[in-house]
């Protein structure tokens, strides 16, 4: 089954606009050729790492406050934030592993 070129280009434009909406801006996700910009990926990766770091810092601070007997920090909050930080760290670790694996695959390609 073949699709007309107009339908394919329309679908491609819709996917690019959805990607731009997901990223939060129309000019940083894709250029006119449809290729993703390097700054978009790097900034998204840095934002993710900063969020993981912030979650870990928050969890550590809440844990310390609970241990010192602060009345405004409950055990539930400490445990939930600790699990959020742990899940974020595990996710970041898996992303790193996939990126290293992809890099190794590319480096082993015959040119």
PDB file of N, CA and C in Angstrom:
ATOM      1  N   UNK A   1       0.842  -1.177   0.000  1.00  0.00           N
ATOM      2  CA  UNK A   1       0.000   0.000   0.000  1.00  0.00           C
ATOM      3  C   UNK A   1       0.887   1.240   0.000  1.00  0.00           C
ATOM      4  N   UNK A   2       0.637   2.156  -0.885  1.00  0.00           N
ATOM      5  CA  UNK A   2       1.406   3.385  -0.959  1.00  0.00           C
ATOM      6  C   UNK A   2       0.532   4.545  -0.543  1.00  0.00           C
ATOM      7  N   UNK A   3       1.190   5.502   0.113  1.00  0.00           N
ATOM      8  CA  UNK A   3       0.480   6.699   0.551  1.00  0.00           C
ATOM      9  C   UNK A   3       0.941   7.866  -0.305  1.00  0.00           C
ATOM     10  N   UNK A   4       0.068   8.815  -0.574  1.00  0.00           N
ATOM     11  CA  UNK A   4       0.494  10.000  -1.316  1.00  0.00           C
ATOM     12  C   UNK A   4       1.539  10.791  -0.521  1.00  0.00           C
ATOM     13  N   UNK A   5       2.384  11.484  -1.253  1.00  0.00           N
ATOM     14  CA  UNK A   5       3.451  12.262  -0.619  1.00  0.00           C
ATOM     15  C   UNK A   5       2.882  13.340   0.281  1.00  0.00           C
ATOM     16  N   UNK A   6       1.786  13.941  -0.092  1.00  0.00           N
ATOM     17  CA  UNK A   6       1.169  14.991   0.726  1.00  0.00           C
ATOM     18  C   UNK A   6       0.743  14.457   2.080  1.00  0.00           C
ATOM     19  N   UNK A   7       0.195  13.248   2.105  1.00  0.00           N
ATOM     20  CA  UNK A   7      -0.223  12.667   3.374  1.00  0.00           C
ATOM     21  C   UNK A   7       0.986  12.382   4.258  1.00  0.00           C
ATOM     22  N   UNK A   8       2.074  11.905   3.664  1.00  0.00           N
ATOM     23  CA  UNK A   8       3.286  11.634   4.440  1.00  0.00           C
ATOM     24  C   UNK A   8       3.904  12.913   4.982  1.00  0.00           C
ATOM     25  N   UNK A   9       3.962  13.932   4.146  1.00  0.00           N
ATOM     26  CA  UNK A   9       4.542  15.191   4.630  1.00  0.00           C
ATOM     27  C   UNK A   9       3.645  15.820   5.687  1.00  0.00           C
ATOM     28  N   UNK A  10       2.340  15.666   5.541  1.00  0.00           N
ATOM     29  CA  UNK A  10       1.425  16.188   6.551  1.00  0.00           C
ATOM     30  C   UNK A  10       1.615  15.458   7.879  1.00  0.00           C
ATOM     31  N   UNK A  11       1.760  14.133   7.815  1.00  0.00           N
ATOM     32  CA  UNK A  11       1.985  13.355   9.029  1.00  0.00           C
ATOM     33  C   UNK A  11       3.304  13.754   9.680  1.00  0.00           C
ATOM     34  N   UNK A  12       4.337  13.972   8.860  1.00  0.00           N
ATOM     35  CA  UNK A  12       5.634  14.387   9.385  1.00  0.00           C
ATOM     36  C   UNK A  12       5.536  15.748  10.063  1.00  0.00           C
ATOM     37  N   UNK A  13       4.814  16.674   9.467  1.00  0.00           N
ATOM     38  CA  UNK A  13       4.646  17.994  10.079  1.00  0.00           C
ATOM     39  C   UNK A  13       3.881  17.903  11.391  1.00  0.00           C
ATOM     40  N   UNK A  14       2.894  17.030  11.456  1.00  0.00           N
ATOM     41  CA  UNK A  14       2.140  16.862  12.696  1.00  0.00           C
ATOM     42  C   UNK A  14       3.023  16.282  13.798  1.00  0.00           C
ATOM     43  N   UNK A  15       3.868  15.311  13.443  1.00  0.00           N
ATOM     44  CA  UNK A  15       4.767  14.725  14.436  1.00  0.00           C
ATOM     45  C   UNK A  15       5.767  15.759  14.927  1.00  0.00           C
ATOM     46  N   UNK A  16       6.276  16.598  14.022  1.00  0.00           N
ATOM     47  CA  UNK A  16       7.227  17.629  14.420  1.00  0.00           C
ATOM     48  C   UNK A  16       6.557  18.660  15.324  1.00  0.00           C
ATOM     49  N   UNK A  17       5.325  19.017  15.034  1.00  0.00           N
ATOM     50  CA  UNK A  17       4.647  20.006  15.887  1.00  0.00           C
ATOM     51  C   UNK A  17       4.343  19.409  17.257  1.00  0.00           C
ATOM     52  N   UNK A  18       4.007  18.119  17.313  1.00  0.00           N
ATOM     53  CA  UNK A  18       3.781  17.475  18.607  1.00  0.00           C
ATOM     54  C   UNK A  18       5.069  17.400  19.409  1.00  0.00           C
ATOM     55  N   UNK A  19       6.173  17.112  18.736  1.00  0.00           N
ATOM     56  CA  UNK A  19       7.460  17.069  19.427  1.00  0.00           C
ATOM     57  C   UNK A  19       7.816  18.448  19.954  1.00  0.00           C
ATOM     58  N   UNK A  20       7.517  19.480  19.175  1.00  0.00           N
ATOM     59  CA  UNK A  20       7.802  20.846  19.613  1.00  0.00           C
ATOM     60  C   UNK A  20       6.948  21.219  20.815  1.00  0.00           C
ATOM     61  N   UNK A  21       5.683  20.804  20.810  1.00  0.00           N
ATOM     62  CA  UNK A  21       4.811  21.082  21.949  1.00  0.00           C
ATOM     63  C   UNK A  21       5.297  20.355  23.191  1.00  0.00           C
ATOM     64  N   UNK A  22       5.747  19.128  23.019  1.00  0.00           N
ATOM     65  CA  UNK A  22       6.225  18.357  24.167  1.00  0.00           C
ATOM     66  C   UNK A  22       7.475  18.982  24.757  1.00  0.00           C
ATOM     67  N   UNK A  23       8.317  19.560  23.917  1.00  0.00           N
ATOM     68  CA  UNK A  23       9.544  20.182  24.393  1.00  0.00           C
ATOM     69  C   UNK A  23       9.295  21.573  24.963  1.00  0.00           C
ATOM     70  N   UNK A  24       8.195  22.174  24.597  1.00  0.00           N
ATOM     71  CA  UNK A  24       7.860  23.466  25.172  1.00  0.00           C
ATOM     72  C   UNK A  24       8.211  24.648  24.307  1.00  0.00           C
ATOM     73  N   UNK A  25       8.857  24.425  23.171  1.00  0.00           N
ATOM     74  CA  UNK A  25       9.125  25.542  22.275  1.00  0.00           C
ATOM     75  C   UNK A  25       9.218  25.027  20.856  1.00  0.00           C
ATOM     76  N   UNK A  26       8.836  25.862  19.913  1.00  0.00           N
ATOM     77  CA  UNK A  26       8.790  25.423  18.522  1.00  0.00           C
ATOM     78  C   UNK A  26      10.120  25.484  17.807  1.00  0.00           C
ATOM     79  N   UNK A  27      11.086  26.260  18.272  1.00  0.00           N
ATOM     80  CA  UNK A  27      12.306  26.444  17.508  1.00  0.00           C
ATOM     81  C   UNK A  27      13.493  25.652  18.020  1.00  0.00           C
ATOM     82  N   UNK A  28      13.406  24.979  19.137  1.00  0.00           N
ATOM     83  CA  UNK A  28      14.571  24.263  19.633  1.00  0.00           C
ATOM     84  C   UNK A  28      14.519  22.772  19.372  1.00  0.00           C
ATOM     85  N   UNK A  29      13.382  22.217  19.001  1.00  0.00           N
ATOM     86  CA  UNK A  29      13.294  20.778  18.826  1.00  0.00           C
ATOM     87  C   UNK A  29      13.773  20.367  17.445  1.00  0.00           C
ATOM     88  N   UNK A  30      13.267  20.998  16.404  1.00  0.00           N
ATOM     89  CA  UNK A  30      13.641  20.582  15.055  1.00  0.00           C
ATOM     90  C   UNK A  30      13.874  21.814  14.195  1.00  0.00           C
ATOM     91  N   UNK A  31      14.857  21.680  13.309  1.00  0.00           N
ATOM     92  CA  UNK A  31      15.063  22.752  12.354  1.00  0.00           C
ATOM     93  C   UNK A  31      14.194  22.485  11.135  1.00  0.00           C
ATOM     94  N   UNK A  32      14.353  23.252  10.052  1.00  0.00           N
ATOM     95  CA  UNK A  32      13.491  23.118   8.893  1.00  0.00           C
ATOM     96  C   UNK A  32      13.607  21.760   8.219  1.00  0.00           C
ATOM     97  N   UNK A  33      14.759  21.100   8.322  1.00  0.00           N
ATOM     98  CA  UNK A  33      14.941  19.795   7.678  1.00  0.00           C
ATOM     99  C   UNK A  33      14.325  18.666   8.490  1.00  0.00           C
ATOM    100  N   UNK A  34      13.902  18.938   9.708  1.00  0.00           N
ATOM    101  CA  UNK A  34      13.291  17.905  10.533  1.00  0.00           C
ATOM    102  C   UNK A  34      14.285  17.215  11.443  1.00  0.00           C
ATOM    103  N   UNK A  35      15.556  17.563  11.361  1.00  0.00           N
ATOM    104  CA  UNK A  35      16.561  16.929  12.206  1.00  0.00           C
ATOM    105  C   UNK A  35      16.542  17.575  13.587  1.00  0.00           C
ATOM    106  N   UNK A  36      16.708  16.767  14.609  1.00  0.00           N
ATOM    107  CA  UNK A  36      16.732  17.284  15.972  1.00  0.00           C
ATOM    108  C   UNK A  36      18.017  18.066  16.198  1.00  0.00           C
ATOM    109  N   UNK A  37      17.931  19.138  16.941  1.00  0.00           N
ATOM    110  CA  UNK A  37      19.112  19.935  17.213  1.00  0.00           C
ATOM    111  C   UNK A  37      19.878  19.335  18.382  1.00  0.00           C
ATOM    112  N   UNK A  38      21.188  19.491  18.365  1.00  0.00           N
ATOM    113  CA  UNK A  38      22.022  18.940  19.433  1.00  0.00           C
ATOM    114  C   UNK A  38      21.749  19.652  20.751  1.00  0.00           C
ATOM    115  N   UNK A  39      21.485  20.951  20.704  1.00  0.00           N
ATOM    116  CA  UNK A  39      21.213  21.706  21.925  1.00  0.00           C
ATOM    117  C   UNK A  39      19.949  21.243  22.614  1.00  0.00           C
ATOM    118  N   UNK A  40      18.966  20.805  21.853  1.00  0.00           N
ATOM    119  CA  UNK A  40      17.722  20.316  22.429  1.00  0.00           C
ATOM    120  C   UNK A  40      17.943  19.060  23.247  1.00  0.00           C
ATOM    121  N   UNK A  41      18.724  18.126  22.710  1.00  0.00           N
ATOM    122  CA  UNK A  41      18.999  16.887  23.430  1.00  0.00           C
ATOM    123  C   UNK A  41      19.878  17.163  24.640  1.00  0.00           C
ATOM    124  N   UNK A  42      20.905  17.965  24.461  1.00  0.00           N
ATOM    125  CA  UNK A  42      21.822  18.256  25.563  1.00  0.00           C
ATOM    126  C   UNK A  42      21.103  18.991  26.691  1.00  0.00           C
ATOM    127  N   UNK A  43      20.242  19.938  26.346  1.00  0.00           N
ATOM    128  CA  UNK A  43      19.534  20.675  27.393  1.00  0.00           C
ATOM    129  C   UNK A  43      18.508  19.784  28.092  1.00  0.00           C
ATOM    130  N   UNK A  44      17.862  18.888  27.342  1.00  0.00           N
ATOM    131  CA  UNK A  44      16.912  17.957  27.965  1.00  0.00           C
ATOM    132  C   UNK A  44      17.636  16.997  28.900  1.00  0.00           C
ATOM    133  N   UNK A  45      18.799  16.511  28.491  1.00  0.00           N
ATOM    134  CA  UNK A  45      19.574  15.604  29.326  1.00  0.00           C
ATOM    135  C   UNK A  45      20.052  16.311  30.585  1.00  0.00           C
ATOM    136  N   UNK A  46      20.537  17.553  30.428  1.00  0.00           N
ATOM    137  CA  UNK A  46      21.000  18.306  31.596  1.00  0.00           C
ATOM    138  C   UNK A  46      19.849  18.601  32.549  1.00  0.00           C
ATOM    139  N   UNK A  47      18.692  18.940  32.014  1.00  0.00           N
ATOM    140  CA  UNK A  47      17.525  19.203  32.867  1.00  0.00           C
ATOM    141  C   UNK A  47      17.123  17.951  33.641  1.00  0.00           C
ATOM    142  N   UNK A  48      17.189  16.804  32.983  1.00  0.00           N
ATOM    143  CA  UNK A  48      16.857  15.547  33.663  1.00  0.00           C
ATOM    144  C   UNK A  48      17.842  15.251  34.776  1.00  0.00           C
ATOM    145  N   UNK A  49      19.121  15.446  34.503  1.00  0.00           N
ATOM    146  CA  UNK A  49      20.137  15.200  35.527  1.00  0.00           C
ATOM    147  C   UNK A  49      20.003  16.171  36.693  1.00  0.00           C
ATOM    148  N   UNK A  50      19.678  17.416  36.388  1.00  0.00           N
ATOM    149  CA  UNK A  50      19.461  18.398  37.457  1.00  0.00           C
ATOM    150  C   UNK A  50      18.249  18.028  38.310  1.00  0.00           C
ATOM    151  N   UNK A  51      17.188  17.523  37.678  1.00  0.00           N
ATOM    152  CA  UNK A  51      16.000  17.096  38.429  1.00  0.00           C
ATOM    153  C   UNK A  51      16.332  15.915  39.328  1.00  0.00           C
ATOM    154  N   UNK A  52      17.092  14.953  38.821  1.00  0.00           N
ATOM    155  CA  UNK A  52      17.491  13.800  39.630  1.00  0.00           C
ATOM    156  C   UNK A  52      18.321  14.260  40.820  1.00  0.00           C
ATOM    157  N   UNK A  53      19.254  15.152  40.569  1.00  0.00           N
ATOM    158  CA  UNK A  53      20.098  15.671  41.647  1.00  0.00           C
ATOM    159  C   UNK A  53      19.274  16.439  42.675  1.00  0.00           C
ATOM    160  N   UNK A  54      18.335  17.239  42.197  1.00  0.00           N
ATOM    161  CA  UNK A  54      17.481  17.992  43.110  1.00  0.00           C
ATOM    162  C   UNK A  54      16.615  17.079  43.968  1.00  0.00           C
ATOM    163  N   UNK A  55      16.079  16.021  43.350  1.00  0.00           N
ATOM    164  CA  UNK A  55      15.266  15.062  44.114  1.00  0.00           C
ATOM    165  C   UNK A  55      16.094  14.373  45.191  1.00  0.00           C
ATOM    166  N   UNK A  56      17.336  14.027  44.862  1.00  0.00           N
ATOM    167  CA  UNK A  56      18.201  13.383  45.854  1.00  0.00           C
ATOM    168  C   UNK A  56      18.544  14.340  46.991  1.00  0.00           C
ATOM    169  N   UNK A  57      18.791  15.588  46.661  1.00  0.00           N
ATOM    170  CA  UNK A  57      19.095  16.586  47.687  1.00  0.00           C
ATOM    171  C   UNK A  57      17.888  16.804  48.601  1.00  0.00           C
ATOM    172  N   UNK A  58      16.714  16.901  48.000  1.00  0.00           N
ATOM    173  CA  UNK A  58      15.493  17.084  48.782  1.00  0.00           C
ATOM    174  C   UNK A  58      15.270  15.904  49.724  1.00  0.00           C
ATOM    175  N   UNK A  59      15.447  14.693  49.202  1.00  0.00           N
ATOM    176  CA  UNK A  59      15.257  13.495  50.027  1.00  0.00           C
ATOM    177  C   UNK A  59      16.261  13.455  51.175  1.00  0.00           C
ATOM    178  N   UNK A  60      17.514  13.812  50.893  1.00  0.00           N
ATOM    179  CA  UNK A  60      18.529  13.807  51.946  1.00  0.00           C
ATOM    180  C   UNK A  60      18.231  14.861  53.004  1.00  0.00           C
ATOM    181  N   UNK A  61      17.794  16.048  52.579  1.00  0.00           N
ATOM    182  CA  UNK A  61      17.471  17.115  53.531  1.00  0.00           C
ATOM    183  C   UNK A  61      16.263  16.747  54.393  1.00  0.00           C
ATOM    184  N   UNK A  62      15.245  16.152  53.778  1.00  0.00           N
ATOM    185  CA  UNK A  62      14.075  15.746  54.560  1.00  0.00           C
ATOM    186  C   UNK A  62      14.432  14.633  55.538  1.00  0.00           C
ATOM    187  N   UNK A  63      15.264  13.720  55.114  1.00  0.00           N
ATOM    188  CA  UNK A  63      15.688  12.629  55.995  1.00  0.00           C
ATOM    189  C   UNK A  63      16.450  13.183  57.194  1.00  0.00           C
ATOM    190  N   UNK A  64      17.336  14.126  56.924  1.00  0.00           N
ATOM    191  CA  UNK A  64      18.107  14.733  58.007  1.00  0.00           C
ATOM    192  C   UNK A  64      17.195  15.498  58.963  1.00  0.00           C
ATOM    193  N   UNK A  65      16.220  16.231  58.397  1.00  0.00           N
ATOM    194  CA  UNK A  65      15.292  16.991  59.240  1.00  0.00           C
ATOM    195  C   UNK A  65      14.446  16.048  60.101  1.00  0.00           C
ATOM    196  N   UNK A  66      14.040  14.918  59.527  1.00  0.00           N
ATOM    197  CA  UNK A  66      13.251  13.953  60.304  1.00  0.00           C
ATOM    198  C   UNK A  66      14.086  13.354  61.432  1.00  0.00           C
ATOM    199  N   UNK A  67      15.352  13.042  61.131  1.00  0.00           N
ATOM    200  CA  UNK A  67      16.239  12.473  62.151  1.00  0.00           C
ATOM    201  C   UNK A  67      16.492  13.451  63.288  1.00  0.00           C
ATOM    202  N   UNK A  68      16.505  14.745  62.957  1.00  0.00           N
ATOM    203  CA  UNK A  68      16.725  15.757  63.994  1.00  0.00           C
ATOM    204  C   UNK A  68      15.453  16.084  64.758  1.00  0.00           C
ATOM    205  N   UNK A  69      14.324  15.487  64.352  1.00  0.00           N
ATOM    206  CA  UNK A  69      13.086  15.672  65.100  1.00  0.00           C
ATOM    207  C   UNK A  69      12.265  16.871  64.685  1.00  0.00           C
ATOM    208  N   UNK A  70      12.414  17.342  63.479  1.00  0.00           N
ATOM    209  CA  UNK A  70      11.614  18.461  63.003  1.00  0.00           C
ATOM    210  C   UNK A  70      10.139  18.073  62.977  1.00  0.00           C
ATOM    211  N   UNK A  71       9.292  18.954  63.462  1.00  0.00           N
ATOM    212  CA  UNK A  71       7.868  18.618  63.588  1.00  0.00           C
ATOM    213  C   UNK A  71       7.107  18.738  62.273  1.00  0.00           C
ATOM    214  N   UNK A  72       7.648  19.440  61.291  1.00  0.00           N
ATOM    215  CA  UNK A  72       6.923  19.638  60.036  1.00  0.00           C
ATOM    216  C   UNK A  72       7.260  18.587  58.970  1.00  0.00           C
ATOM    217  N   UNK A  73       8.063  17.572  59.305  1.00  0.00           N
ATOM    218  CA  UNK A  73       8.432  16.522  58.351  1.00  0.00           C
ATOM    219  C   UNK A  73       7.915  15.191  58.889  1.00  0.00           C
ATOM    220  N   UNK A  74       7.076  14.529  58.083  1.00  0.00           N
ATOM    221  CA  UNK A  74       6.539  13.237  58.507  1.00  0.00           C
ATOM    222  C   UNK A  74       7.337  12.102  57.872  1.00  0.00           C
ATOM    223  N   UNK A  75       7.237  10.949  58.452  1.00  0.00           N
ATOM    224  CA  UNK A  75       7.924   9.769  57.946  1.00  0.00           C
ATOM    225  C   UNK A  75       7.432   9.412  56.548  1.00  0.00           C
ATOM    226  N   UNK A  76       6.146   9.611  56.306  1.00  0.00           N
ATOM    227  CA  UNK A  76       5.587   9.325  54.980  1.00  0.00           C
ATOM    228  C   UNK A  76       6.271  10.155  53.902  1.00  0.00           C
ATOM    229  N   UNK A  77       6.439  11.450  54.169  1.00  0.00           N
ATOM    230  CA  UNK A  77       7.086  12.329  53.201  1.00  0.00           C
ATOM    231  C   UNK A  77       8.530  11.909  52.958  1.00  0.00           C
ATOM    232  N   UNK A  78       9.224  11.537  54.016  1.00  0.00           N
ATOM    233  CA  UNK A  78      10.619  11.115  53.894  1.00  0.00           C
ATOM    234  C   UNK A  78      10.718   9.867  53.019  1.00  0.00           C
ATOM    235  N   UNK A  79       9.852   8.900  53.272  1.00  0.00           N
ATOM    236  CA  UNK A  79       9.900   7.640  52.530  1.00  0.00           C
ATOM    237  C   UNK A  79       9.508   7.839  51.057  1.00  0.00           C
ATOM    238  N   UNK A  80       8.476   8.624  50.810  1.00  0.00           N
ATOM    239  CA  UNK A  80       8.032   8.858  49.433  1.00  0.00           C
ATOM    240  C   UNK A  80       9.111   9.604  48.652  1.00  0.00           C
ATOM    241  N   UNK A  81       9.681  10.644  49.239  1.00  0.00           N
ATOM    242  CA  UNK A  81      10.724  11.393  48.535  1.00  0.00           C
ATOM    243  C   UNK A  81      11.982  10.554  48.330  1.00  0.00           C
ATOM    244  N   UNK A  82      12.284   9.686  49.286  1.00  0.00           N
ATOM    245  CA  UNK A  82      13.423   8.780  49.116  1.00  0.00           C
ATOM    246  C   UNK A  82      13.203   7.818  47.961  1.00  0.00           C
ATOM    247  N   UNK A  83      11.979   7.304  47.834  1.00  0.00           N
ATOM    248  CA  UNK A  83      11.675   6.397  46.724  1.00  0.00           C
ATOM    249  C   UNK A  83      11.668   7.130  45.384  1.00  0.00           C
ATOM    250  N   UNK A  84      11.165   8.373  45.360  1.00  0.00           N
ATOM    251  CA  UNK A  84      11.204   9.165  44.134  1.00  0.00           C
ATOM    252  C   UNK A  84      12.642   9.382  43.682  1.00  0.00           C
ATOM    253  N   UNK A  85      13.506   9.709  44.628  1.00  0.00           N
ATOM    254  CA  UNK A  85      14.912   9.933  44.309  1.00  0.00           C
ATOM    255  C   UNK A  85      15.557   8.645  43.812  1.00  0.00           C
ATOM    256  N   UNK A  86      15.225   7.523  44.430  1.00  0.00           N
ATOM    257  CA  UNK A  86      15.786   6.244  44.022  1.00  0.00           C
ATOM    258  C   UNK A  86      15.329   5.855  42.621  1.00  0.00           C
ATOM    259  N   UNK A  87      14.048   6.019  42.332  1.00  0.00           N
ATOM    260  CA  UNK A  87      13.525   5.685  41.010  1.00  0.00           C
ATOM    261  C   UNK A  87      14.143   6.597  39.950  1.00  0.00           C
ATOM    262  N   UNK A  88      14.265   7.886  40.251  1.00  0.00           N
ATOM    263  CA  UNK A  88      14.903   8.813  39.316  1.00  0.00           C
ATOM    264  C   UNK A  88      16.345   8.432  39.039  1.00  0.00           C
ATOM    265  N   UNK A  89      17.067   8.040  40.083  1.00  0.00           N
ATOM    266  CA  UNK A  89      18.459   7.629  39.911  1.00  0.00           C
ATOM    267  C   UNK A  89      18.545   6.368  39.062  1.00  0.00           C
ATOM    268  N   UNK A  90      17.690   5.388  39.330  1.00  0.00           N
ATOM    269  CA  UNK A  90      17.697   4.150  38.545  1.00  0.00           C
ATOM    270  C   UNK A  90      17.371   4.434  37.076  1.00  0.00           C
ATOM    271  N   UNK A  91      16.422   5.336  36.831  1.00  0.00           N
ATOM    272  CA  UNK A  91      16.087   5.721  35.473  1.00  0.00           C
ATOM    273  C   UNK A  91      17.291   6.374  34.784  1.00  0.00           C
ATOM    274  N   UNK A  92      17.935   7.304  35.473  1.00  0.00           N
ATOM    275  CA  UNK A  92      19.126   7.953  34.909  1.00  0.00           C
ATOM    276  C   UNK A  92      20.230   6.958  34.621  1.00  0.00           C
ATOM    277  N   UNK A  93      20.392   5.983  35.490  1.00  0.00           N
ATOM    278  CA  UNK A  93      21.400   4.954  35.283  1.00  0.00           C
ATOM    279  C   UNK A  93      21.092   4.116  34.046  1.00  0.00           C
ATOM    280  N   UNK A  94      19.833   3.773  33.851  1.00  0.00           N
ATOM    281  CA  UNK A  94      19.457   2.994  32.672  1.00  0.00           C
ATOM    282  C   UNK A  94      19.629   3.797  31.385  1.00  0.00           C
ATOM    283  N   UNK A  95      19.314   5.084  31.426  1.00  0.00           N
ATOM    284  CA  UNK A  95      19.526   5.943  30.250  1.00  0.00           C
ATOM    285  C   UNK A  95      21.010   6.012  29.932  1.00  0.00           C
ATOM    286  N   UNK A  96      21.847   6.175  30.964  1.00  0.00           N
ATOM    287  CA  UNK A  96      23.295   6.198  30.746  1.00  0.00           C
ATOM    288  C   UNK A  96      23.772   4.899  30.124  1.00  0.00           C
ATOM    289  N   UNK A  97      23.285   3.769  30.630  1.00  0.00           N
ATOM    290  CA  UNK A  97      23.683   2.476  30.084  1.00  0.00           C
ATOM    291  C   UNK A  97      23.297   2.340  28.617  1.00  0.00           C
ATOM    292  N   UNK A  98      22.109   2.808  28.263  1.00  0.00           N
ATOM    293  CA  UNK A  98      21.670   2.747  26.859  1.00  0.00           C
ATOM    294  C   UNK A  98      22.511   3.663  25.983  1.00  0.00           C
ATOM    295  N   UNK A  99      22.856   4.847  26.483  1.00  0.00           N
ATOM    296  CA  UNK A  99      23.698   5.754  25.699  1.00  0.00           C
ATOM    297  C   UNK A  99      25.097   5.187  25.494  1.00  0.00           C
ATOM    298  N   UNK A 100      25.664   4.578  26.517  1.00  0.00           N
ATOM    299  CA  UNK A 100      26.990   3.960  26.389  1.00  0.00           C
ATOM    300  C   UNK A 100      26.928   2.786  25.424  1.00  0.00           C
ATOM    301  N   UNK A 101      25.867   2.004  25.493  1.00  0.00           N
ATOM    302  CA  UNK A 101      25.707   0.877  24.579  1.00  0.00           C
ATOM    303  C   UNK A 101      25.586   1.357  23.136  1.00  0.00           C
ATOM    304  N   UNK A 102      24.802   2.415  22.914  1.00  0.00           N
ATOM    305  CA  UNK A 102      24.659   2.969  21.565  1.00  0.00           C
ATOM    306  C   UNK A 102      25.986   3.520  21.067  1.00  0.00           C
ATOM    307  N   UNK A 103      26.730   4.191  21.933  1.00  0.00           N
ATOM    308  CA  UNK A 103      28.043   4.719  21.559  1.00  0.00           C
ATOM    309  C   UNK A 103      28.981   3.582  21.160  1.00  0.00           C
ATOM    310  N   UNK A 104      28.991   2.505  21.951  1.00  0.00           N
ATOM    311  CA  UNK A 104      29.855   1.365  21.628  1.00  0.00           C
ATOM    312  C   UNK A 104      29.451   0.716  20.310  1.00  0.00           C
ATOM    313  N   UNK A 105      28.148   0.615  20.052  1.00  0.00           N
ATOM    314  CA  UNK A 105      27.680   0.055  18.778  1.00  0.00           C
ATOM    315  C   UNK A 105      28.139   0.905  17.611  1.00  0.00           C
ATOM    316  N   UNK A 106      28.056   2.209  17.752  1.00  0.00           N
ATOM    317  CA  UNK A 106      28.480   3.111  16.678  1.00  0.00           C
ATOM    318  C   UNK A 106      29.990   3.016  16.463  1.00  0.00           C
ATOM    319  N   UNK A 107      30.740   2.932  17.540  1.00  0.00           N
ATOM    320  CA  UNK A 107      32.195   2.849  17.419  1.00  0.00           C
ATOM    321  C   UNK A 107      32.657   1.545  16.769  1.00  0.00           C
ATOM    322  N   UNK A 108      31.864   0.484  16.865  1.00  0.00           N
ATOM    323  CA  UNK A 108      32.230  -0.799  16.293  1.00  0.00           C
ATOM    324  C   UNK A 108      31.757  -0.973  14.858  1.00  0.00           C
ATOM    325  N   UNK A 109      31.048   0.013  14.328  1.00  0.00           N
ATOM    326  CA  UNK A 109      30.559  -0.088  12.944  1.00  0.00           C
ATOM    327  C   UNK A 109      31.717   0.006  11.963  1.00  0.00           C
ATOM    328  N   UNK A 110      31.598  -0.775  10.910  1.00  0.00           N
ATOM    329  CA  UNK A 110      32.574  -0.713   9.825  1.00  0.00           C
ATOM    330  C   UNK A 110      32.269   0.479   8.939  1.00  0.00           C
ATOM    331  N   UNK A 111      33.305   1.242   8.605  1.00  0.00           N
ATOM    332  CA  UNK A 111      33.096   2.414   7.763  1.00  0.00           C
ATOM    333  C   UNK A 111      33.630   2.161   6.381  1.00  0.00           C
TER     334      UNK A 111
END
